[in-house]
Amino acid sequence: MPRLKILFSLPECFPFAKTGGLGDVGGALPIALAARGHDVRVVMPRYRVTRKFESKPLAGPLGIPYGPGTLWTGVRRGQLSSKRGAVVPVYFLDHDGLYDREGVYGDARGGYGDNTERYSVLSRGSIELCRYLGFEPDVIHVHDWPTCLVPVLLDTVEQGTALARAASVLTIHNMGYQGWSSRDSYSEMGLPFSPEILGALDLNGQLNLLKAGILHSTIVSTVSPNYAREIQTKEGGEGLDAFLRMRGGDVMGVLNGIDEEAWNPEVDPHIAANFSAEDLSGKAVCKAALQREMGLPERPDVPVIGLISRLVGQKGVDLVVDALYQLMATGAQFVFLGSGDKSIEEVFQRASLSTPNVRAFIGMNEGLAHRIEAGADLFLMPSRYEPCGLNQLYSQRYGTLPIVRAVGGLEDTVDNGSTGFKFHELSSEALVGTVRWALETYAEPALFRSMQYRAMQKQSGWSHAAQQYEALYRFAVRKRRRALGQVRAVRL
């Protein structure tokens, strides 16, 4: 089949800038698609944090129509590359006034007040970059609210141009973030006044960028099939479920993959010993090393339960806080890594200082994250909602069986009693009951070992996800071309 020309319009992309799972997808999926032979390019802002990475300025500035005038940015080119030789050019929009700041979306004081303008420029700039490069994509893949104006622009401002032929795919990574702003901020979006555009943006007297993206994108995707179903319900749709149901069969779920080069226990440089599904002796070495590093009694017979998370309500970490003394009473050892809600941080810190079987590291530490995945026996993910989740996939790859709440991608990726343990009720009682079940299983070495083997044999890399996205792109292109053909026929 002919190769596709694909533009990723991204607010973040690992390793250049990352605040969560969107950054992981932005760094991995373009490479996986390029490895399949497609012409893939990425455009993102040149944040302050990206400046440590090598990039070269392109000749001439990029003019971005913005309101009544033109906003000028520089363009620099860097690249994503894989050990297997795939290369993807990354184009950075270079504008100090908009992007040269301490954080990506905000700083310690909160979100930046001009985020609407910052990401409207990214959206319009993504389209203008195509003209600048002479690149006519078949698909523009946008992600979450920051680039939701791209599909709107393709349907309105770009109508009748060559770029209007591009299909747009919107991936929703988290329904909780929607790009709200006041109606007064319409002028900050650099859009011409249009009742059609304003109507797509308006929701309850405010502007909602995600709503506009849902209505105008050719296809809406999410990061797991189960999350695609959940967001079409009142409970999971965060107020936009009716608009998603309107799209019907245009809402699809593609499960995220993981970077199998970075997360591979057979070659991981962060851990004390390497190991495989066939030979777990190195995992025992990693467990002992983790216990020593965290100041826990070095006991191979005591199960270690890990947790690596943002310490916020979405992740269900408050269930762990509520059940902490019951969990400690099981006799297992617990290792927590993360930051977020200060009250949760304080509970974990106090437990770490006052009890012999709990240790917490407040903050994020990439090396320690790998060592917890390698050294723990079980892993907690009691999420309230979880669009996809990656740590359960890392855990399975490292033979660390996940204990998860059966929501979103956790439901899709964990087979209950086979590659992990699941509970449904959002309660500390359900969490404790499932932990006890997991510990009872741990006490039966042959059964536990068989579960570890099945979990480690799972294929969770990006190659399968890339195949699914390729099929989704081709479907979107056909749908877009048919729609344009119908429009032309009506006009004739």
Foldseek 3Di string as FASTA:
>chain_A
DDAFEEEELELAAPPQADDDDSNQCRDALQQLSVVVPHQYEYEYANALSNVVADWAWDPDWFWFQFAPGTDTWTKIWDWRADPVGGIYIYIHTHDCVQHHDDHSQPDPVDGDPLLLLSLLCSQRVSVSVCVVVVHQGQEYEYEALSNLCNLVCLVPVVPPHSNVLHAYEYEYAALVDWDKDAPVCPSSSRDDDDPVQCVQQDDPRIGTRNSNSLQRGLAYEYAAQQLLVQCLDPVNVNPNNVSSVVVPPRYGYFHAFGDCVQLAQQDHPLFPHRDALVGLPSLLVLQQVLCVVQVAPRDSLAAEEEEEDAPDQQQLCVLCLVCVVVVVVVVHAYEYEYYHDPVSVVSLPVCCVPDRRGGYDYDDDVSVLSSCLSHGQEYEGAGPAGQADDSCLSNLLNLRAYEYECHHNVVVQDDDLAQHHYDHDSHSVRVSVRVVVVVVQVVVVVSSSRNSSVSNPDRRHCNVSSVVVVVSSVVSSVSSVVVVVVVVVVVD
